[in-house]
PDB file of all heavy atoms in Angstrom:
ATOM      1  N   SER A   1      95.891  73.090 105.768  1.00  0.00           N
ATOM      2  CA  SER A   1      95.384  73.810 104.577  1.00  0.00           C
ATOM      3  C   SER A   1      96.447  74.769 104.102  1.00  0.00           C
ATOM      4  O   SER A   1      97.124  75.506 104.879  1.00  0.00           O
ATOM      5  CB  SER A   1      94.152  74.569 104.904  1.00  0.00           C
ATOM      6  OG  SER A   1      94.386  75.548 105.954  1.00  0.00           O
ATOM      7  N   ALA A   2      96.707  74.787 102.795  1.00  0.00           N
ATOM      8  CA  ALA A   2      97.783  75.582 102.226  1.00  0.00           C
ATOM      9  C   ALA A   2      97.263  76.446 101.087  1.00  0.00           C
ATOM     10  O   ALA A   2      96.303  76.128 100.435  1.00  0.00           O
ATOM     11  CB  ALA A   2      98.914  74.679 101.751  1.00  0.00           C
ATOM     12  N   GLU A   3      97.937  77.553 100.879  1.00  0.00           N
ATOM     13  CA  GLU A   3      97.533  78.500  99.829  1.00  0.00           C
ATOM     14  C   GLU A   3      98.780  79.178  99.233  1.00  0.00           C
ATOM     15  O   GLU A   3      99.708  79.512  99.956  1.00  0.00           O
ATOM     16  CB  GLU A   3      96.623  79.567 100.415  1.00  0.00           C
ATOM     17  CG  GLU A   3      95.855  80.386  99.480  1.00  0.00           C
ATOM     18  CD  GLU A   3      94.794  81.250 100.141  1.00  0.00           C
ATOM     19  OE1 GLU A   3      94.817  81.377 101.376  1.00  0.00           O
ATOM     20  OE2 GLU A   3      93.895  81.783  99.443  1.00  0.00           O
ATOM     21  N   LEU A   4      98.818  79.335  97.914  1.00  0.00           N
ATOM     22  CA  LEU A   4      99.843  80.053  97.197  1.00  0.00           C
ATOM     23  C   LEU A   4      99.267  81.225  96.495  1.00  0.00           C
ATOM     24  O   LEU A   4      98.158  81.159  95.967  1.00  0.00           O
ATOM     25  CB  LEU A   4     100.565  79.126  96.226  1.00  0.00           C
ATOM     26  CG  LEU A   4     101.180  77.784  96.718  1.00  0.00           C
ATOM     27  CD1 LEU A   4     101.655  76.974  95.587  1.00  0.00           C
ATOM     28  CD2 LEU A   4     102.360  78.180  97.674  1.00  0.00           C
ATOM     29  N   GLY A   5     100.019  82.346  96.423  1.00  0.00           N
ATOM     30  CA  GLY A   5      99.498  83.537  95.723  1.00  0.00           C
ATOM     31  C   GLY A   5     100.631  84.336  95.111  1.00  0.00           C
ATOM     32  O   GLY A   5     101.820  84.199  95.506  1.00  0.00           O
ATOM     33  N   THR A   6     100.286  85.147  94.128  1.00  0.00           N
ATOM     34  CA  THR A   6     101.245  85.934  93.453  1.00  0.00           C
ATOM     35  C   THR A   6     100.630  87.208  92.883  1.00  0.00           C
ATOM     36  O   THR A   6      99.394  87.267  92.697  1.00  0.00           O
ATOM     37  CB  THR A   6     101.956  85.137  92.330  1.00  0.00           C
ATOM     38  OG1 THR A   6     103.018  85.904  91.755  1.00  0.00           O
ATOM     39  CG2 THR A   6     100.968  84.843  91.196  1.00  0.00           C
ATOM     40  N   LYS A   7     101.427  88.162  92.615  1.00  0.00           N
ATOM     41  CA  LYS A   7     101.005  89.440  91.982  1.00  0.00           C
ATOM     42  C   LYS A   7     101.983  89.854  90.941  1.00  0.00           C
ATOM     43  O   LYS A   7     103.225  89.780  91.200  1.00  0.00           O
ATOM     44  CB  LYS A   7     100.867  90.535  93.070  1.00  0.00           C
ATOM     45  CG  LYS A   7     100.563  91.924  92.526  1.00  0.00           C
ATOM     46  CD  LYS A   7     100.526  92.908  93.667  1.00  0.00           C
ATOM     47  CE  LYS A   7     100.249  94.363  93.133  1.00  0.00           C
ATOM     48  NZ  LYS A   7     100.200  95.358  94.225  1.00  0.00           N
ATOM     49  N   TYR A   8     101.517  90.223  89.786  1.00  0.00           N
ATOM     50  CA  TYR A   8     102.436  90.593  88.680  1.00  0.00           C
ATOM     51  C   TYR A   8     101.982  91.993  88.198  1.00  0.00           C
ATOM     52  O   TYR A   8     100.877  92.203  87.829  1.00  0.00           O
ATOM     53  CB  TYR A   8     102.373  89.611  87.553  1.00  0.00           C
ATOM     54  CG  TYR A   8     103.265  90.006  86.386  1.00  0.00           C
ATOM     55  CD1 TYR A   8     104.638  90.043  86.529  1.00  0.00           C
ATOM     56  CD2 TYR A   8     102.715  90.375  85.135  1.00  0.00           C
ATOM     57  CE1 TYR A   8     105.506  90.373  85.478  1.00  0.00           C
ATOM     58  CE2 TYR A   8     103.521  90.735  84.100  1.00  0.00           C
ATOM     59  CZ  TYR A   8     104.896  90.731  84.238  1.00  0.00           C
ATOM     60  OH  TYR A   8     105.709  91.111  83.236  1.00  0.00           O
ATOM     61  N   ILE A   9     102.931  92.932  88.224  1.00  0.00           N
ATOM     62  CA  ILE A   9     102.639  94.313  87.836  1.00  0.00           C
ATOM     63  C   ILE A   9     102.887  94.427  86.336  1.00  0.00           C
ATOM     64  O   ILE A   9     104.074  94.206  85.871  1.00  0.00           O
ATOM     65  CB  ILE A   9     103.525  95.314  88.599  1.00  0.00           C
ATOM     66  CG1 ILE A   9     103.229  95.222  90.106  1.00  0.00           C
ATOM     67  CG2 ILE A   9     103.299  96.745  88.086  1.00  0.00           C
ATOM     68  CD1 ILE A   9     104.163  96.070  90.961  1.00  0.00           C
ATOM     69  N   LEU A  10     101.816  94.670  85.574  1.00  0.00           N
ATOM     70  CA  LEU A  10     101.956  94.775  84.134  1.00  0.00           C
ATOM     71  C   LEU A  10     102.612  96.062  83.693  1.00  0.00           C
ATOM     72  O   LEU A  10     103.493  96.053  82.834  1.00  0.00           O
ATOM     73  CB  LEU A  10     100.541  94.651  83.503  1.00  0.00           C
ATOM     74  CG  LEU A  10      99.798  93.314  83.810  1.00  0.00           C
ATOM     75  CD1 LEU A  10      98.359  93.433  83.273  1.00  0.00           C
ATOM     76  CD2 LEU A  10     100.532  92.139  83.162  1.00  0.00           C
ATOM     77  N   ASP A  11     102.158  97.154  84.265  1.00  0.00           N
ATOM     78  CA  ASP A  11     102.759  98.460  83.995  1.00  0.00           C
ATOM     79  C   ASP A  11     102.441  99.329  85.216  1.00  0.00           C
ATOM     80  O   ASP A  11     101.867  98.884  86.223  1.00  0.00           O
ATOM     81  CB  ASP A  11     102.268  99.064  82.679  1.00  0.00           C
ATOM     82  CG  ASP A  11     100.782  99.128  82.537  1.00  0.00           C
ATOM     83  OD1 ASP A  11     100.160  99.522  83.511  1.00  0.00           O
ATOM     84  OD2 ASP A  11     100.259  98.770  81.438  1.00  0.00           O
ATOM     85  N   GLN A  12     102.646 100.647  85.075  1.00  0.00           N
ATOM     86  CA  GLN A  12     102.381 101.537  86.188  1.00  0.00           C
ATOM     87  C   GLN A  12     100.921 101.656  86.537  1.00  0.00           C
ATOM     88  O   GLN A  12     100.560 102.143  87.617  1.00  0.00           O
ATOM     89  CB  GLN A  12     102.988 102.928  85.918  1.00  0.00           C
ATOM     90  CG  GLN A  12     102.368 103.611  84.721  1.00  0.00           C
ATOM     91  CD  GLN A  12     102.987 104.973  84.512  1.00  0.00           C
ATOM     92  OE1 GLN A  12     103.934 105.405  85.191  1.00  0.00           O
ATOM     93  NE2 GLN A  12     102.452 105.736  83.537  1.00  0.00           N
ATOM     94  N   ASP A  13     100.056 101.233  85.669  1.00  0.00           N
ATOM     95  CA  ASP A  13      98.591 101.405  85.892  1.00  0.00           C
ATOM     96  C   ASP A  13      97.833 100.105  86.006  1.00  0.00           C
ATOM     97  O   ASP A  13      96.579 100.139  86.183  1.00  0.00           O
ATOM     98  CB  ASP A  13      97.986 102.256  84.756  1.00  0.00           C
ATOM     99  CG  ASP A  13      98.485 103.654  84.700  1.00  0.00           C
ATOM    100  OD1 ASP A  13      98.773 104.192  85.819  1.00  0.00           O
ATOM    101  OD2 ASP A  13      98.623 104.252  83.596  1.00  0.00           O
ATOM    102  N   ALA A  14      98.474  98.945  85.926  1.00  0.00           N
ATOM    103  CA  ALA A  14      97.721  97.709  85.926  1.00  0.00           C
ATOM    104  C   ALA A  14      98.500  96.576  86.554  1.00  0.00           C
ATOM    105  O   ALA A  14      99.721  96.556  86.426  1.00  0.00           O
ATOM    106  CB  ALA A  14      97.292  97.340  84.482  1.00  0.00           C
ATOM    107  N   TYR A  15      97.806  95.663  87.176  1.00  0.00           N
ATOM    108  CA  TYR A  15      98.453  94.448  87.701  1.00  0.00           C
ATOM    109  C   TYR A  15      97.456  93.351  87.823  1.00  0.00           C
ATOM    110  O   TYR A  15      96.242  93.538  87.834  1.00  0.00           O
ATOM    111  CB  TYR A  15      99.099  94.719  89.087  1.00  0.00           C
ATOM    112  CG  TYR A  15      98.229  95.212  90.171  1.00  0.00           C
ATOM    113  CD1 TYR A  15      97.470  94.375  90.934  1.00  0.00           C
ATOM    114  CD2 TYR A  15      98.134  96.626  90.403  1.00  0.00           C
ATOM    115  CE1 TYR A  15      96.633  94.876  91.959  1.00  0.00           C
ATOM    116  CE2 TYR A  15      97.301  97.125  91.386  1.00  0.00           C
ATOM    117  CZ  TYR A  15      96.618  96.245  92.197  1.00  0.00           C
ATOM    118  OH  TYR A  15      95.755  96.710  93.198  1.00  0.00           O
ATOM    119  N   VAL A  16      97.926  92.104  87.828  1.00  0.00           N
ATOM    120  CA  VAL A  16      97.092  90.896  87.951  1.00  0.00           C
ATOM    121  C   VAL A  16      97.506  90.144  89.232  1.00  0.00           C
ATOM    122  O   VAL A  16      98.700  90.224  89.639  1.00  0.00           O
ATOM    123  CB  VAL A  16      97.157  90.005  86.728  1.00  0.00           C
ATOM    124  CG1 VAL A  16      96.544  90.669  85.509  1.00  0.00           C
ATOM    125  CG2 VAL A  16      98.603  89.622  86.455  1.00  0.00           C
ATOM    126  N   LYS A  17      96.557  89.441  89.788  1.00  0.00           N
ATOM    127  CA  LYS A  17      96.849  88.579  90.961  1.00  0.00           C
ATOM    128  C   LYS A  17      96.198  87.238  90.788  1.00  0.00           C
ATOM    129  O   LYS A  17      95.174  87.084  90.140  1.00  0.00           O
ATOM    130  CB  LYS A  17      96.291  89.236  92.240  1.00  0.00           C
ATOM    131  CG  LYS A  17      96.972  90.596  92.567  1.00  0.00           C
ATOM    132  CD  LYS A  17      96.354  91.213  93.842  1.00  0.00           C
ATOM    133  CE  LYS A  17      96.806  90.503  95.088  1.00  0.00           C
ATOM    134  NZ  LYS A  17      96.344  91.223  96.336  1.00  0.00           N
ATOM    135  N   ALA A  18      96.824  86.192  91.406  1.00  0.00           N
ATOM    136  CA  ALA A  18      96.260  84.908  91.380  1.00  0.00           C
ATOM    137  C   ALA A  18      96.602  84.185  92.670  1.00  0.00           C
ATOM    138  O   ALA A  18      97.675  84.459  93.283  1.00  0.00           O
ATOM    139  CB  ALA A  18      96.840  84.102  90.182  1.00  0.00           C
ATOM    140  N   LYS A  19      95.700  83.264  93.074  1.00  0.00           N
ATOM    141  CA  LYS A  19      95.945  82.453  94.265  1.00  0.00           C
ATOM    142  C   LYS A  19      95.243  81.152  94.142  1.00  0.00           C
ATOM    143  O   LYS A  19      94.166  81.045  93.402  1.00  0.00           O
ATOM    144  CB  LYS A  19      95.471  83.201  95.549  1.00  0.00           C
ATOM    145  CG  LYS A  19      94.024  83.505  95.614  1.00  0.00           C
ATOM    146  CD  LYS A  19      93.637  84.210  96.894  1.00  0.00           C
ATOM    147  CE  LYS A  19      92.152  84.488  96.962  1.00  0.00           C
ATOM    148  NZ  LYS A  19      91.802  85.099  98.292  1.00  0.00           N
ATOM    149  N   VAL A  20      95.721  80.132  94.805  1.00  0.00           N
ATOM    150  CA  VAL A  20      95.141  78.807  94.679  1.00  0.00           C
ATOM    151  C   VAL A  20      95.367  78.073  96.039  1.00  0.00           C
ATOM    152  O   VAL A  20      96.431  78.260  96.669  1.00  0.00           O
ATOM    153  CB  VAL A  20      95.703  77.946  93.554  1.00  0.00           C
ATOM    154  CG1 VAL A  20      97.193  77.682  93.685  1.00  0.00           C
ATOM    155  CG2 VAL A  20      94.896  76.675  93.361  1.00  0.00           C
ATOM    156  N   ASP A  21      94.372  77.275  96.475  1.00  0.00           N
ATOM    157  CA  ASP A  21      94.618  76.556  97.746  1.00  0.00           C
ATOM    158  C   ASP A  21      94.516  75.039  97.527  1.00  0.00           C
ATOM    159  O   ASP A  21      94.254  74.622  96.364  1.00  0.00           O
ATOM    160  CB  ASP A  21      93.579  77.012  98.766  1.00  0.00           C
ATOM    161  CG  ASP A  21      92.098  76.721  98.389  1.00  0.00           C
ATOM    162  OD1 ASP A  21      91.891  75.888  97.528  1.00  0.00           O
ATOM    163  OD2 ASP A  21      91.214  77.344  98.931  1.00  0.00           O
ATOM    164  N   ASN A  22      94.794  74.302  98.497  1.00  0.00           N
ATOM    165  CA  ASN A  22      94.856  72.832  98.332  1.00  0.00           C
ATOM    166  C   ASN A  22      93.463  72.208  98.124  1.00  0.00           C
ATOM    167  O   ASN A  22      93.364  71.026  97.828  1.00  0.00           O
ATOM    168  CB  ASN A  22      95.530  72.182  99.513  1.00  0.00           C
ATOM    169  CG  ASN A  22      94.808  72.420 100.811  1.00  0.00           C
ATOM    170  OD1 ASN A  22      94.301  73.481 101.130  1.00  0.00           O
ATOM    171  ND2 ASN A  22      94.752  71.394 101.653  1.00  0.00           N
ATOM    172  N   ALA A  23      92.389  73.001  98.250  1.00  0.00           N
ATOM    173  CA  ALA A  23      91.045  72.466  97.962  1.00  0.00           C
ATOM    174  C   ALA A  23      90.683  72.719  96.497  1.00  0.00           C
ATOM    175  O   ALA A  23      89.557  72.393  96.085  1.00  0.00           O
ATOM    176  CB  ALA A  23      90.033  73.136  98.880  1.00  0.00           C
ATOM    177  N   GLY A  24      91.595  73.334  95.752  1.00  0.00           N
ATOM    178  CA  GLY A  24      91.373  73.514  94.340  1.00  0.00           C
ATOM    179  C   GLY A  24      90.644  74.808  93.969  1.00  0.00           C
ATOM    180  O   GLY A  24      90.183  75.000  92.876  1.00  0.00           O
ATOM    181  N   ARG A  25      90.507  75.723  94.913  1.00  0.00           N
ATOM    182  CA  ARG A  25      89.856  77.031  94.662  1.00  0.00           C
ATOM    183  C   ARG A  25      90.875  77.947  94.062  1.00  0.00           C
ATOM    184  O   ARG A  25      91.934  78.255  94.686  1.00  0.00           O
ATOM    185  CB  ARG A  25      89.213  77.583  95.943  1.00  0.00           C
ATOM    186  CG  ARG A  25      88.027  76.800  96.435  1.00  0.00           C
ATOM    187  CD  ARG A  25      87.375  77.495  97.607  1.00  0.00           C
ATOM    188  NE  ARG A  25      88.273  77.423  98.785  1.00  0.00           N
ATOM    189  CZ  ARG A  25      88.199  76.503  99.756  1.00  0.00           C
ATOM    190  NH1 ARG A  25      87.224  75.572  99.683  1.00  0.00           N
ATOM    191  NH2 ARG A  25      89.025  76.488 100.757  1.00  0.00           N
ATOM    192  N   LEU A  26      90.538  78.481  92.876  1.00  0.00           N
ATOM    193  CA  LEU A  26      91.464  79.369  92.167  1.00  0.00           C
ATOM    194  C   LEU A  26      90.859  80.808  92.147  1.00  0.00           C
ATOM    195  O   LEU A  26      89.706  80.964  91.692  1.00  0.00           O
ATOM    196  CB  LEU A  26      91.629  78.840  90.731  1.00  0.00           C
ATOM    197  CG  LEU A  26      92.432  79.790  89.804  1.00  0.00           C
ATOM    198  CD1 LEU A  26      93.894  79.898  90.247  1.00  0.00           C
ATOM    199  CD2 LEU A  26      92.324  79.269  88.357  1.00  0.00           C
ATOM    200  N   GLY A  27      91.635  81.729  92.616  1.00  0.00           N
ATOM    201  CA  GLY A  27      91.205  83.129  92.590  1.00  0.00           C
ATOM    202  C   GLY A  27      92.021  83.922  91.630  1.00  0.00           C
ATOM    203  O   GLY A  27      93.280  83.812  91.609  1.00  0.00           O
ATOM    204  N   LEU A  28      91.384  84.808  90.812  1.00  0.00           N
ATOM    205  CA  LEU A  28      92.070  85.622  89.854  1.00  0.00           C
ATOM    206  C   LEU A  28      91.543  86.999  89.946  1.00  0.00           C
ATOM    207  O   LEU A  28      90.337  87.229  90.204  1.00  0.00           O
ATOM    208  CB  LEU A  28      91.860  85.061  88.410  1.00  0.00           C
ATOM    209  CG  LEU A  28      92.295  83.662  88.089  1.00  0.00           C
ATOM    210  CD1 LEU A  28      91.811  83.223  86.701  1.00  0.00           C
ATOM    211  CD2 LEU A  28      93.804  83.569  88.165  1.00  0.00           C
ATOM    212  N   SER A  29      92.389  87.977  89.731  1.00  0.00           N
ATOM    213  CA  SER A  29      91.913  89.385  89.737  1.00  0.00           C
ATOM    214  C   SER A  29      92.762  90.229  88.784  1.00  0.00           C
ATOM    215  O   SER A  29      93.962  89.952  88.539  1.00  0.00           O
ATOM    216  CB  SER A  29      91.919  89.982  91.135  1.00  0.00           C
ATOM    217  OG  SER A  29      93.225  90.402  91.488  1.00  0.00           O
ATOM    218  N   TYR A  30      92.108  91.261  88.277  1.00  0.00           N
ATOM    219  CA  TYR A  30      92.787  92.216  87.412  1.00  0.00           C
ATOM    220  C   TYR A  30      92.395  93.633  87.915  1.00  0.00           C
ATOM    221  O   TYR A  30      91.194  93.947  88.073  1.00  0.00           O
ATOM    222  CB  TYR A  30      92.312  92.054  85.930  1.00  0.00           C
ATOM    223  CG  TYR A  30      92.821  93.125  85.017  1.00  0.00           C
ATOM    224  CD1 TYR A  30      94.183  93.137  84.582  1.00  0.00           C
ATOM    225  CD2 TYR A  30      91.989  94.159  84.606  1.00  0.00           C
ATOM    226  CE1 TYR A  30      94.590  94.094  83.699  1.00  0.00           C
ATOM    227  CE2 TYR A  30      92.433  95.130  83.757  1.00  0.00           C
ATOM    228  CZ  TYR A  30      93.797  95.104  83.310  1.00  0.00           C
ATOM    229  OH  TYR A  30      94.212  96.105  82.407  1.00  0.00           O
ATOM    230  N   THR A  31      93.400  94.435  88.116  1.00  0.00           N
ATOM    231  CA  THR A  31      93.201  95.823  88.592  1.00  0.00           C
ATOM    232  C   THR A  31      93.775  96.809  87.568  1.00  0.00           C
ATOM    233  O   THR A  31      94.959  96.638  87.233  1.00  0.00           O
ATOM    234  CB  THR A  31      93.768  96.011  89.996  1.00  0.00           C
ATOM    235  OG1 THR A  31      93.157  95.095  90.896  1.00  0.00           O
ATOM    236  CG2 THR A  31      93.581  97.453  90.485  1.00  0.00           C
ATOM    237  N   GLN A  32      92.981  97.813  87.245  1.00  0.00           N
ATOM    238  CA  GLN A  32      93.451  98.831  86.270  1.00  0.00           C
ATOM    239  C   GLN A  32      93.126 100.237  86.825  1.00  0.00           C
ATOM    240  O   GLN A  32      91.981 100.484  87.278  1.00  0.00           O
ATOM    241  CB  GLN A  32      92.721  98.611  84.943  1.00  0.00           C
ATOM    242  CG  GLN A  32      93.010  99.691  83.911  1.00  0.00           C
ATOM    243  CD  GLN A  32      94.313  99.577  83.265  1.00  0.00           C
ATOM    244  OE1 GLN A  32      94.740  98.523  82.771  1.00  0.00           O
ATOM    245  NE2 GLN A  32      95.077 100.639  83.214  1.00  0.00           N
ATOM    246  N   VAL A  33      94.114 101.078  86.832  1.00  0.00           N
ATOM    247  CA  VAL A  33      93.888 102.498  87.115  1.00  0.00           C
ATOM    248  C   VAL A  33      93.398 103.143  85.791  1.00  0.00           C
ATOM    249  O   VAL A  33      94.167 103.274  84.824  1.00  0.00           O
ATOM    250  CB  VAL A  33      95.163 103.171  87.649  1.00  0.00           C
ATOM    251  CG1 VAL A  33      94.936 104.686  87.815  1.00  0.00           C
ATOM    252  CG2 VAL A  33      95.668 102.543  88.892  1.00  0.00           C
ATOM    253  N   MET A  34      92.135 103.490  85.778  1.00  0.00           N
ATOM    254  CA  MET A  34      91.492 104.016  84.548  1.00  0.00           C
ATOM    255  C   MET A  34      92.029 105.393  84.207  1.00  0.00           C
ATOM    256  O   MET A  34      92.293 105.733  83.041  1.00  0.00           O
ATOM    257  CB  MET A  34      89.992 104.067  84.683  1.00  0.00           C
ATOM    258  CG  MET A  34      89.358 102.764  85.224  1.00  0.00           C
ATOM    259  SD  MET A  34      89.661 101.332  84.113  1.00  0.00           S
ATOM    260  CE  MET A  34      88.576 101.803  82.782  1.00  0.00           C
TER     261      MET A  34
END
């Protein structure tokens, strides 16, 4: 079973993350410092 993931910092207050595994499950997230 394999999984790939990444994180991208948009600016000092926000970033997005994504991950996917070999079963086709895709995870997405968005984090914001309000």
